[in-house]
Amino acid sequence: MIRRRDLFALGAGMAIAAPAVAQNSRATTLRMVPQANLSVLDPVFTTATVTGNHGFYVFDTLYGVDANLRPTPQMAEGHEVSADGLTWRIKLREGLRFHDGEPVRATDCIASIRRWCAREPFGQLLARQAEEWIAADDRTMVIRLRRPFPLMLDALAKPDAASPFIMPARLAATDPARAVTEMIGSGPYRFIANEFNSGSRVVYEKFDGYIPRQETPTWTSGAKVAHFRRIEWHILPDPATAAAALQAGEVDWWERPHPDLQQLLARSRDVRREVTDPTGRMAVMRMNNLHAPFDDVRIRRAVRLSVAQDEYMRASRGDNTQDWSVGRSLWPRHTPYFEDLGADMMPGDLDRARAALREAGYANQKVVIINPTDFPDIGPLGQVTADRLKRAGMNVELSESDWGTVVQRRSNREGVDRGGWSILHTTGGASAWANPATSFLVRGQGTNGWFGWWKSDRAEDLAEAWLNAPTEERQKALASELGKLALDEAAFVPLGQFVIRTAFRRDITGILPGSSPYPWNVRRG
């Protein structure tokens, strides 16, 4: 029998099968294969990682983070805080301009942050305490609070999964429930709209009006120097084709090589591989809480009982256990609140899952799993879930499509008979899911929260209490209670944690560590 990885290896060895990528000047153009197709452009509207990566090209943030995730000024020159902690004055750097030539003003920042607050869990915590947003002058924004918000800078510097990017006020005025489609930011690269072809190519050009900071670049902070005049994303969903293009020098950087092709790339003298984010990413399953059968917590728990994390990880990441681990927790490993809740919570036992479904009165309702065919990190997860739930006795339909369609369909709140869904899978950076303020995995915001719409007033109370806890010990106790509650009710189900070995041509240098493939500091030679 030919195994899946044998087919990948065979295809990757046939470099002549790779399509010729347009050959512009090597010195000025970087060609990259991103993790997935870019189908939604607004990085505040969606948590899709590929859209967040795109956001770092086009937009900038008031604050960034260093390698220790400490906030540092980015667009901001600095800030002042009143003695009672209720008034923040943030001043912008001089000379900041948007790609359309307009200056960046405090009004733009206020409109952008308020729109971000309407969609993002961390921002929603901030919005509850914000009494007034004031543009004192063009370069000074003032935030007046009802009570102190000790993580203000952490919120404004959030580095992953819907970062608080700054855009012109006219664009930030867009209804938070609708995506912005005009890409005007103040970041180091401009989005070239007339060359954008979703499913094929995304093009960025250096923004000559960008003024980098002087500090050494690290993660999302410091000098964001664009060394390439032009960066092209080439969408190559077939891993063998992407591997062949990288080996042949037709592309310079493959963000997420398929695990089955890592050893092939390791043998190439012209290719280097690096783990740029050692904390890694976590894979999760999300069930739709709005409709049967998963509006019943007992049935969600039955699904949780069926999950065998090592099966998911082997299907998605391969057999190299150095690159992945398991953990029955919604707090990722290598973060402060990780706590494995044990085999009784997630035994991976289909017999127990069947019994739990019978006890819950599961009535054979259809379970529709929406799953991407062009995203190797995620596609195998849905296939494993479909197989295991069928074996557990559920009526399962695996609805597979491209990732862009999955991203759009997951916002549908209708039942499965009207194009809705029951289960989806995704991955996210461990740094983004490390605490109750930043992680939507443990937040019970209902229809104001992430797709799947788990509602828990207790979870929200715990997150609020964590934010205002007087000691680290109390914070840890609250985070533990929140993590147990969220996993007990299967708000999400963790499927394992893994690292990514990105691959690039040996003449590419300056790739920075971080949770995204940042375009600044990267150069040839």
Protein backbone atom coordinates (compact mmCIF):
# COMPACT_ATOMS: atom_id res chain seq x y z
CA MET A 1 0.00 0.00 0.00
CA ILE A 2 1.33 3.48 -0.87
CA ARG A 3 1.18 5.74 2.16
CA ARG A 4 0.27 9.41 1.98
CA ARG A 5 3.80 10.53 2.85
CA ASP A 6 5.25 8.35 0.07
CA LEU A 7 3.10 10.22 -2.44
CA PHE A 8 4.32 13.55 -1.08
CA ALA A 9 7.95 12.49 -1.30
CA LEU A 10 7.50 11.24 -4.85
CA GLY A 11 5.88 14.49 -5.97
CA ALA A 12 8.45 16.67 -4.24
CA GLY A 13 11.30 14.98 -6.03
CA MET A 14 9.87 15.97 -9.43
CA ALA A 15 11.02 19.57 -9.60
CA ILE A 16 10.02 19.82 -13.25
CA ALA A 17 6.38 19.46 -12.19
CA ALA A 18 6.47 22.79 -10.32
CA PRO A 19 4.93 25.74 -12.17
CA ALA A 20 7.42 28.42 -13.12
CA VAL A 21 6.95 31.40 -10.80
CA ALA A 22 7.42 34.78 -12.48
CA GLN A 23 11.11 35.70 -12.29
CA ASN A 24 11.52 39.35 -11.36
CA SER A 25 14.80 40.71 -10.05
CA ARG A 26 16.08 38.42 -7.31
CA ALA A 27 17.78 41.28 -5.50
CA THR A 28 14.59 43.26 -4.94
CA THR A 29 11.82 40.65 -4.76
CA LEU A 30 11.08 38.04 -2.12
CA ARG A 31 8.77 35.18 -3.17
CA MET A 32 6.98 33.38 -0.39
CA VAL A 33 4.54 30.47 -0.11
CA PRO A 34 2.18 31.35 2.78
CA GLN A 35 0.48 28.82 5.01
CA ALA A 36 -2.88 29.19 3.24
CA ASN A 37 -4.84 31.28 0.79
CA LEU A 38 -5.65 34.85 1.82
CA SER A 39 -9.42 35.12 1.41
CA VAL A 40 -10.29 37.73 4.08
CA LEU A 41 -8.18 40.89 4.13
CA ASP A 42 -9.31 42.55 7.37
CA PRO A 43 -7.07 41.34 10.25
CA VAL A 44 -9.44 42.75 12.88
CA PHE A 45 -12.52 41.07 11.42
CA THR A 46 -11.05 37.55 11.47
CA THR A 47 -8.65 35.56 13.64
CA ALA A 48 -7.42 33.58 10.60
CA THR A 49 -3.64 33.45 11.08
CA VAL A 50 -2.87 34.08 7.41
CA THR A 51 -4.87 37.33 7.60
CA GLY A 52 -3.00 38.35 10.75
CA ASN A 53 0.29 37.73 8.95
CA HIS A 54 -0.92 39.91 6.08
CA GLY A 55 -1.85 42.57 8.67
CA PHE A 56 1.75 42.90 9.85
CA TYR A 57 2.81 43.87 6.32
CA VAL A 58 0.22 46.59 5.87
CA PHE A 59 -0.52 47.94 9.34
CA ASP A 60 1.33 48.96 12.48
CA THR A 61 0.37 48.95 16.16
CA LEU A 62 0.68 51.49 18.94
CA TYR A 63 2.83 49.07 20.94
CA GLY A 64 4.75 45.93 20.03
CA VAL A 65 6.23 43.12 22.10
CA ASP A 66 9.78 41.91 22.53
CA ALA A 67 10.95 38.30 22.77
CA ASN A 68 9.71 38.15 26.37
CA LEU A 69 6.28 39.47 25.30
CA ARG A 70 6.90 42.74 27.14
CA PRO A 71 5.09 45.73 25.57
CA THR A 72 7.27 48.44 24.05
CA PRO A 73 6.29 51.62 22.14
CA GLN A 74 5.91 51.19 18.38
CA MET A 75 3.74 53.87 16.76
CA ALA A 76 3.59 55.46 20.20
CA GLU A 77 6.33 57.81 21.31
CA GLY A 78 5.38 57.08 24.90
CA HIS A 79 2.62 57.40 27.48
CA GLU A 80 1.67 58.89 30.83
CA VAL A 81 -0.64 57.36 33.42
CA SER A 82 -2.39 59.31 36.17
CA ALA A 83 -1.62 58.43 39.78
CA ASP A 84 -5.02 56.75 40.21
CA GLY A 85 -4.53 54.69 37.03
CA LEU A 86 -7.72 56.04 35.47
CA THR A 87 -6.28 58.27 32.72
CA TRP A 88 -3.84 57.20 30.01
CA ARG A 89 -2.26 59.74 27.64
CA ILE A 90 -0.55 58.12 24.64
CA LYS A 91 1.47 60.29 22.26
CA LEU A 92 2.25 59.28 18.68
CA ARG A 93 5.67 59.48 17.04
CA GLU A 94 6.21 62.33 14.63
CA GLY A 95 5.96 61.75 10.89
CA LEU A 96 3.62 58.75 10.85
CA ARG A 97 1.71 58.52 7.57
CA PHE A 98 -0.77 56.17 5.97
CA HIS A 99 -0.15 54.67 2.56
CA ASP A 100 -2.54 57.21 0.98
CA GLY A 101 -0.31 60.06 2.22
CA GLU A 102 -2.57 61.18 5.06
CA PRO A 103 -0.98 61.69 8.50
CA VAL A 104 -1.82 59.24 11.27
CA ARG A 105 -3.87 61.12 13.84
CA ALA A 106 -5.12 60.33 17.31
CA THR A 107 -8.64 60.11 15.89
CA ASP A 108 -7.50 57.25 13.62
CA CYS A 109 -6.03 55.40 16.59
CA ILE A 110 -9.14 55.84 18.71
CA ALA A 111 -11.48 54.65 15.94
CA SER A 112 -9.24 51.64 15.23
CA ILE A 113 -8.91 50.57 18.87
CA ARG A 114 -12.64 50.96 19.51
CA ARG A 115 -13.48 48.79 16.50
CA TRP A 116 -10.94 46.21 17.68
CA CYS A 117 -12.52 46.29 21.15
CA ALA A 118 -15.89 45.43 19.63
CA ARG A 119 -14.58 42.15 18.21
CA GLU A 120 -11.67 40.92 20.30
CA PRO A 121 -12.01 39.32 23.78
CA PHE A 122 -9.11 41.28 25.29
CA GLY A 123 -10.48 44.46 23.77
CA GLN A 124 -13.93 43.73 25.16
CA LEU A 125 -12.45 43.62 28.66
CA LEU A 126 -10.86 47.02 27.98
CA ALA A 127 -14.08 48.46 26.53
CA ARG A 128 -16.01 47.59 29.70
CA GLN A 129 -13.72 49.88 31.69
CA ALA A 130 -13.30 52.68 29.13
CA GLU A 131 -15.44 55.67 30.02
CA GLU A 132 -14.17 58.11 27.41
CA TRP A 133 -11.84 58.21 24.38
CA ILE A 134 -10.48 61.66 23.58
CA ALA A 135 -8.22 63.07 20.86
CA ALA A 136 -6.49 65.81 22.85
CA ASP A 137 -4.64 66.86 19.68
CA ASP A 138 -3.52 65.21 16.44
CA ARG A 139 -0.76 63.27 18.20
CA THR A 140 -2.31 62.60 21.61
CA MET A 141 -5.05 60.15 22.52
CA VAL A 142 -6.53 60.00 26.01
CA ILE A 143 -8.32 56.99 27.49
CA ARG A 144 -10.32 57.65 30.65
CA LEU A 145 -11.29 54.55 32.62
CA ARG A 146 -13.96 53.66 35.16
CA ARG A 147 -11.45 51.56 37.05
CA PRO A 148 -7.73 50.83 36.52
CA PHE A 149 -6.88 48.47 33.66
CA PRO A 150 -3.45 47.09 34.56
CA LEU A 151 -2.96 45.29 31.24
CA MET A 152 -3.55 48.32 29.01
CA LEU A 153 -0.19 48.04 27.24
CA ASP A 154 -0.52 44.26 26.88
CA ALA A 155 -3.84 44.85 25.13
CA LEU A 156 -2.49 47.50 22.75
CA ALA A 157 0.56 45.31 21.98
CA LYS A 158 -1.32 42.02 21.50
CA PRO A 159 0.90 40.19 18.98
CA ASP A 160 -1.26 37.38 17.63
CA ALA A 161 -4.82 36.44 16.60
CA ALA A 162 -6.48 39.79 15.82
CA SER A 163 -3.87 42.37 16.81
CA PRO A 164 -5.05 45.97 17.38
CA PHE A 165 -3.84 47.31 14.04
CA ILE A 166 -4.27 51.03 13.27
CA MET A 167 -6.09 52.09 10.10
CA PRO A 168 -7.61 55.39 8.93
CA ALA A 169 -10.69 56.45 10.89
CA ARG A 170 -12.81 56.34 7.73
CA LEU A 171 -12.06 52.61 7.43
CA ALA A 172 -12.26 51.94 11.16
CA ALA A 173 -15.79 53.38 11.02
CA THR A 174 -16.83 50.16 9.21
CA ASP A 175 -19.37 48.10 11.13
CA PRO A 176 -17.37 45.59 13.21
CA ALA A 177 -19.65 42.87 11.85
CA ARG A 178 -18.40 43.61 8.31
CA ALA A 179 -14.90 43.21 6.92
CA VAL A 180 -12.88 46.19 5.71
CA THR A 181 -11.82 45.58 2.10
CA GLU A 182 -9.70 48.67 1.36
CA MET A 183 -6.23 47.98 2.70
CA ILE A 184 -4.69 51.31 3.77
CA GLY A 185 -2.32 51.13 6.71
CA SER A 186 0.89 52.78 7.87
CA GLY A 187 3.08 49.66 7.97
CA PRO A 188 6.34 48.97 6.13
CA TYR A 189 4.62 47.46 3.06
CA ARG A 190 1.71 48.58 0.87
CA PHE A 191 -0.94 46.13 -0.34
CA ILE A 192 -1.12 46.21 -4.16
CA ALA A 193 -4.84 45.75 -4.75
CA ASN A 194 -4.73 45.52 -8.55
CA GLU A 195 -2.37 42.52 -8.37
CA PHE A 196 -4.32 40.64 -5.71
CA ASN A 197 -5.79 37.37 -6.93
CA SER A 198 -7.19 35.27 -4.09
CA GLY A 199 -6.13 31.68 -4.54
CA SER A 200 -3.14 32.67 -6.67
CA ARG A 201 -1.08 35.71 -5.63
CA VAL A 202 -0.77 38.54 -3.10
CA VAL A 203 1.66 41.41 -3.74
CA TYR A 204 3.17 43.99 -1.39
CA GLU A 205 5.54 46.85 -2.16
CA LYS A 206 7.82 48.76 0.17
CA PHE A 207 6.23 51.91 1.63
CA ASP A 208 8.87 54.60 1.25
CA GLY A 209 7.02 56.85 3.70
CA TYR A 210 7.50 54.44 6.59
CA ILE A 211 9.85 55.71 9.32
CA PRO A 212 11.29 52.77 11.29
CA ARG A 213 12.14 53.00 14.95
CA GLN A 214 15.81 52.91 15.92
CA GLU A 215 15.72 49.99 18.35
CA THR A 216 16.88 46.50 17.41
CA PRO A 217 13.96 44.54 15.92
CA THR A 218 12.52 41.74 18.04
CA TRP A 219 9.11 40.09 17.57
CA THR A 220 6.67 42.93 16.77
CA SER A 221 8.78 45.77 18.18
CA GLY A 222 11.80 47.79 17.13
CA ALA A 223 13.01 48.78 13.67
CA LYS A 224 10.74 47.39 10.93
CA VAL A 225 13.11 47.89 8.00
CA ALA A 226 11.88 46.68 4.61
CA HIS A 227 14.88 45.45 2.60
CA PHE A 228 12.89 44.10 -0.36
CA ARG A 229 11.14 46.45 -2.75
CA ARG A 230 8.50 43.85 -3.44
CA ILE A 231 7.17 40.72 -1.72
CA GLU A 232 4.98 38.24 -3.54
CA TRP A 233 2.90 35.53 -1.91
CA HIS A 234 2.38 32.60 -4.23
CA ILE A 235 -0.49 30.35 -3.21
CA LEU A 236 0.68 26.77 -3.81
CA PRO A 237 -1.74 24.49 -1.91
CA ASP A 238 -0.08 21.27 -3.11
CA PRO A 239 2.83 20.57 -0.72
CA ALA A 240 4.84 18.64 -3.31
CA THR A 241 4.65 21.55 -5.73
CA ALA A 242 5.71 24.01 -3.03
CA ALA A 243 8.66 21.80 -2.05
CA ALA A 244 9.79 21.49 -5.66
CA ALA A 245 9.54 25.26 -6.19
CA LEU A 246 11.63 25.93 -3.09
CA GLN A 247 14.30 23.42 -4.08
CA ALA A 248 14.47 24.84 -7.60
CA GLY A 249 14.82 28.42 -6.34
CA GLU A 250 11.50 29.49 -7.86
CA VAL A 251 10.37 30.65 -4.41
CA ASP A 252 12.52 31.86 -1.51
CA TRP A 253 10.51 30.96 1.57
CA TRP A 254 7.89 28.33 2.41
CA GLU A 255 6.18 29.34 5.62
CA ARG A 256 4.86 25.94 6.70
CA PRO A 257 6.35 22.93 4.94
CA HIS A 258 4.33 19.76 5.26
CA PRO A 259 5.77 17.46 7.96
CA ASP A 260 6.03 14.59 5.46
CA LEU A 261 8.44 16.70 3.37
CA GLN A 262 10.68 18.01 6.12
CA GLN A 263 13.33 15.34 5.71
CA LEU A 264 13.41 15.87 1.96
CA LEU A 265 14.06 19.59 2.52
CA ALA A 266 16.66 18.80 5.19
CA ARG A 267 18.70 16.99 2.55
CA SER A 268 18.71 19.97 0.20
CA ARG A 269 21.99 21.93 0.35
CA ASP A 270 20.24 25.12 -0.77
CA VAL A 271 17.47 25.07 1.87
CA ARG A 272 17.57 25.93 5.58
CA ARG A 273 14.93 25.11 8.18
CA GLU A 274 14.28 26.87 11.49
CA VAL A 275 11.80 26.81 14.36
CA THR A 276 11.10 30.52 14.82
CA ASP A 277 8.48 30.12 17.59
CA PRO A 278 9.61 27.47 20.11
CA THR A 279 6.40 27.75 22.14
CA GLY A 280 4.56 26.47 19.08
CA ARG A 281 0.92 26.24 18.15
CA MET A 282 -2.04 24.37 19.60
CA ALA A 283 -4.64 22.49 17.55
CA VAL A 284 -8.23 22.63 18.74
CA MET A 285 -11.74 21.45 17.88
CA ARG A 286 -14.73 23.80 18.17
CA MET A 287 -18.36 22.70 18.28
CA ASN A 288 -21.27 24.98 17.36
CA ASN A 289 -23.13 25.69 20.59
CA LEU A 290 -26.10 27.39 18.91
CA HIS A 291 -27.71 24.30 17.36
CA ALA A 292 -28.40 20.66 18.07
CA PRO A 293 -26.75 18.44 18.91
CA PHE A 294 -23.99 20.56 20.46
CA ASP A 295 -26.27 23.00 22.23
CA ASP A 296 -26.40 20.14 24.76
CA VAL A 297 -23.28 20.18 26.94
CA ARG A 298 -23.65 16.43 27.58
CA ILE A 299 -23.13 15.70 23.88
CA ARG A 300 -20.16 18.05 23.71
CA ARG A 301 -18.67 16.14 26.63
CA ALA A 302 -19.24 12.85 24.81
CA VAL A 303 -17.22 14.17 21.86
CA ARG A 304 -14.46 15.27 24.24
CA LEU A 305 -14.29 11.71 25.61
CA SER A 306 -13.65 10.40 22.09
CA VAL A 307 -10.55 12.55 21.41
CA ALA A 308 -7.23 10.70 21.23
CA GLN A 309 -4.73 13.52 20.85
CA ASP A 310 -1.85 11.41 19.58
CA GLU A 311 -3.99 10.22 16.67
CA TYR A 312 -4.68 13.83 15.67
CA MET A 313 -1.04 14.80 15.97
CA ARG A 314 0.25 11.83 13.97
CA ALA A 315 -2.28 12.54 11.22
CA SER A 316 -1.43 16.23 11.09
CA ARG A 317 2.26 16.38 12.08
CA GLY A 318 3.69 12.91 11.41
CA ASP A 319 5.47 10.47 13.71
CA ASN A 320 8.30 12.73 14.91
CA THR A 321 7.28 13.28 18.54
CA GLN A 322 10.05 15.86 18.96
CA ASP A 323 7.83 18.26 17.04
CA TRP A 324 4.57 17.70 18.94
CA SER A 325 3.15 16.89 22.36
CA VAL A 326 -0.22 16.19 23.97
CA GLY A 327 -1.85 17.90 26.92
CA ARG A 328 -5.40 17.87 28.23
CA SER A 329 -5.61 21.58 28.88
CA LEU A 330 -6.88 24.70 27.15
CA TRP A 331 -3.79 26.51 28.45
CA PRO A 332 -0.87 25.66 26.13
CA ARG A 333 2.32 24.03 27.32
CA HIS A 334 5.19 26.42 28.08
CA THR A 335 2.74 29.05 29.33
CA PRO A 336 2.13 29.95 33.00
CA TYR A 337 -1.25 28.25 33.51
CA PHE A 338 -0.76 24.93 31.74
CA GLU A 339 -2.30 22.15 33.81
CA ASP A 340 -2.92 18.69 32.38
CA LEU A 341 -6.37 17.68 33.63
CA GLY A 342 -5.79 13.98 33.17
CA ALA A 343 -6.98 10.95 31.26
CA ASP A 344 -10.40 10.85 32.91
CA MET A 345 -11.23 14.19 31.27
CA MET A 346 -9.99 13.09 27.83
CA PRO A 347 -9.49 9.31 27.69
CA GLY A 348 -9.76 8.91 23.90
CA ASP A 349 -12.26 6.13 24.56
CA LEU A 350 -14.90 5.48 21.87
CA ASP A 351 -16.83 3.09 24.14
CA ARG A 352 -17.20 5.79 26.79
CA ALA A 353 -18.18 8.28 24.09
CA ARG A 354 -20.90 5.91 22.78
CA ALA A 355 -22.27 5.38 26.27
CA ALA A 356 -22.29 9.12 26.96
CA LEU A 357 -24.17 9.78 23.70
CA ARG A 358 -26.81 7.22 24.62
CA GLU A 359 -27.19 8.68 28.10
CA ALA A 360 -27.53 12.19 26.65
CA GLY A 361 -30.28 11.04 24.28
CA TYR A 362 -28.43 11.79 21.05
CA ALA A 363 -31.13 11.51 18.35
CA ASN A 364 -28.96 10.98 15.25
CA GLN A 365 -28.88 14.67 14.36
CA LYS A 366 -26.56 15.40 11.45
CA VAL A 367 -23.10 16.67 12.42
CA VAL A 368 -21.47 18.71 9.64
CA ILE A 369 -17.70 19.11 9.90
CA ILE A 370 -16.37 21.93 7.73
CA ASN A 371 -12.80 21.15 6.76
CA PRO A 372 -10.13 22.55 4.41
CA THR A 373 -8.56 20.50 1.63
CA ASP A 374 -5.71 22.99 1.07
CA PHE A 375 -4.42 23.49 4.63
CA PRO A 376 -2.27 20.51 5.71
CA ASP A 377 -2.03 21.69 9.32
CA ILE A 378 -5.81 21.55 9.73
CA GLY A 379 -7.30 19.22 7.10
CA PRO A 380 -6.20 15.95 8.77
CA LEU A 381 -7.77 17.08 12.07
CA GLY A 382 -11.24 17.16 10.55
CA GLN A 383 -10.70 13.82 8.89
CA VAL A 384 -9.75 12.20 12.21
CA THR A 385 -12.78 13.72 13.93
CA ALA A 386 -15.12 12.48 11.17
CA ASP A 387 -13.73 8.97 11.45
CA ARG A 388 -13.85 8.79 15.24
CA LEU A 389 -17.32 10.28 15.60
CA LYS A 390 -18.73 7.92 12.98
CA ARG A 391 -17.24 5.04 14.93
CA ALA A 392 -18.80 6.48 18.09
CA GLY A 393 -22.22 6.33 16.42
CA MET A 394 -22.81 9.89 15.25
CA ASN A 395 -24.39 10.89 11.93
CA VAL A 396 -21.43 12.72 10.38
CA GLU A 397 -21.01 14.62 7.13
CA LEU A 398 -17.49 15.75 6.27
CA SER A 399 -17.92 18.90 4.16
CA GLU A 400 -14.55 19.67 2.59
CA SER A 401 -13.61 22.80 0.64
CA ASP A 402 -10.78 25.28 0.32
CA TRP A 403 -9.70 27.16 3.47
CA GLY A 404 -11.14 30.45 2.26
CA THR A 405 -14.59 28.89 2.07
CA VAL A 406 -14.21 27.42 5.56
CA VAL A 407 -13.23 30.85 6.93
CA GLN A 408 -16.31 32.42 5.37
CA ARG A 409 -18.72 29.59 6.24
CA ARG A 410 -17.77 29.47 9.92
CA SER A 411 -19.51 32.84 10.45
CA ASN A 412 -22.86 31.32 9.40
CA ARG A 413 -25.06 31.03 12.51
CA GLU A 414 -27.84 29.09 10.79
CA GLY A 415 -28.50 25.39 11.19
CA VAL A 416 -26.81 22.82 8.98
CA ASP A 417 -29.89 22.73 6.73
CA ARG A 418 -29.20 26.39 5.87
CA GLY A 419 -25.50 26.20 5.20
CA GLY A 420 -24.35 26.22 8.81
CA TRP A 421 -21.93 23.85 10.49
CA SER A 422 -21.43 21.71 13.59
CA ILE A 423 -17.66 21.28 14.06
CA LEU A 424 -14.54 23.03 12.82
CA HIS A 425 -10.84 22.81 13.65
CA THR A 426 -8.12 25.41 13.82
CA THR A 427 -4.70 26.15 15.29
CA GLY A 428 -3.32 29.12 17.15
CA GLY A 429 -0.09 30.37 18.67
CA ALA A 430 0.57 29.40 22.27
CA SER A 431 1.46 33.01 23.09
CA ALA A 432 -1.98 34.14 21.92
CA TRP A 433 -3.80 31.66 24.17
CA ALA A 434 -1.67 32.05 27.29
CA ASN A 435 -4.07 33.84 29.66
CA PRO A 436 -7.77 34.72 30.15
CA ALA A 437 -7.41 38.16 28.57
CA THR A 438 -5.86 37.02 25.29
CA SER A 439 -7.40 33.55 24.80
CA PHE A 440 -10.81 33.12 23.24
CA LEU A 441 -10.57 29.38 24.02
CA VAL A 442 -11.80 29.94 27.57
CA ARG A 443 -14.11 32.90 27.08
CA GLY A 444 -17.87 32.42 27.28
CA GLN A 445 -19.07 35.43 25.32
CA GLY A 446 -21.86 33.71 23.41
CA THR A 447 -22.80 35.45 20.18
CA ASN A 448 -20.29 38.23 20.95
CA GLY A 449 -17.46 35.71 20.98
CA TRP A 450 -15.60 33.43 18.61
CA PHE A 451 -17.32 31.20 16.05
CA GLY A 452 -19.08 28.37 17.87
CA TRP A 453 -20.49 30.87 20.35
CA TRP A 454 -20.08 29.13 23.72
CA LYS A 455 -21.86 31.15 26.42
CA SER A 456 -20.85 31.06 30.07
CA ASP A 457 -21.43 33.95 32.43
CA ARG A 458 -19.25 32.17 34.97
CA ALA A 459 -16.35 32.07 32.52
CA GLU A 460 -16.68 35.80 31.88
CA ASP A 461 -16.81 36.54 35.61
CA LEU A 462 -13.65 34.49 36.14
CA ALA A 463 -11.84 36.32 33.32
CA GLU A 464 -12.82 39.68 34.81
CA ALA A 465 -11.74 38.55 38.29
CA TRP A 466 -8.40 37.33 36.89
CA LEU A 467 -7.76 40.72 35.31
CA ASN A 468 -8.25 42.50 38.64
CA ALA A 469 -6.78 39.88 40.97
CA PRO A 470 -4.41 41.41 43.56
CA THR A 471 -1.73 38.69 43.45
CA GLU A 472 -0.17 36.22 41.04
CA GLU A 473 -1.31 33.37 43.27
CA ARG A 474 -4.91 34.51 43.02
CA GLN A 475 -4.58 34.92 39.26
CA LYS A 476 -3.26 31.37 38.96
CA ALA A 477 -6.13 29.98 41.02
CA LEU A 478 -8.71 31.82 38.88
CA ALA A 479 -7.04 30.72 35.64
CA SER A 480 -7.08 27.12 36.87
CA GLU A 481 -10.78 27.29 37.67
CA LEU A 482 -11.52 28.91 34.30
CA GLY A 483 -9.48 26.32 32.37
CA LYS A 484 -11.28 23.45 34.11
CA LEU A 485 -14.69 24.99 33.48
CA ALA A 486 -14.01 25.58 29.79
CA LEU A 487 -12.67 22.07 29.19
CA ASP A 488 -15.42 20.43 31.26
CA GLU A 489 -18.06 22.11 29.09
CA ALA A 490 -15.99 21.48 25.94
CA ALA A 491 -15.87 25.15 24.99
CA PHE A 492 -13.00 23.93 22.83
CA VAL A 493 -11.26 20.56 22.81
CA PRO A 494 -7.43 20.55 22.66
CA LEU A 495 -5.94 18.18 20.09
CA GLY A 496 -2.20 18.65 20.75
CA GLN A 497 0.59 21.19 20.42
CA PHE A 498 3.32 21.40 17.78
CA VAL A 499 6.18 23.48 16.45
CA ILE A 500 6.66 24.56 12.83
CA ARG A 501 9.94 24.32 10.95
CA THR A 502 9.82 27.05 8.35
CA ALA A 503 12.05 26.57 5.27
CA PHE A 504 13.88 29.10 3.11
CA ARG A 505 16.71 29.43 0.63
CA ARG A 506 20.18 29.68 2.20
CA ASP A 507 20.77 33.16 0.82
CA ILE A 508 17.80 34.53 2.82
CA THR A 509 18.84 36.02 6.15
CA GLY A 510 17.32 38.08 8.95
CA ILE A 511 14.15 36.05 9.61
CA LEU A 512 13.10 37.02 13.13
CA PRO A 513 11.68 34.77 15.84
CA GLY A 514 8.03 35.33 16.60
CA SER A 515 4.52 34.03 16.16
CA SER A 516 4.29 35.31 12.55
CA PRO A 517 6.64 35.33 9.52
CA TYR A 518 7.45 39.04 9.79
CA PRO A 519 8.57 40.72 6.54
CA TRP A 520 10.91 43.28 8.10
CA ASN A 521 14.63 42.65 8.64
CA VAL A 522 14.57 39.90 5.97
CA ARG A 523 17.12 40.30 3.20
CA ARG A 524 19.03 38.35 0.59
CA GLY A 525 22.67 37.59 1.34
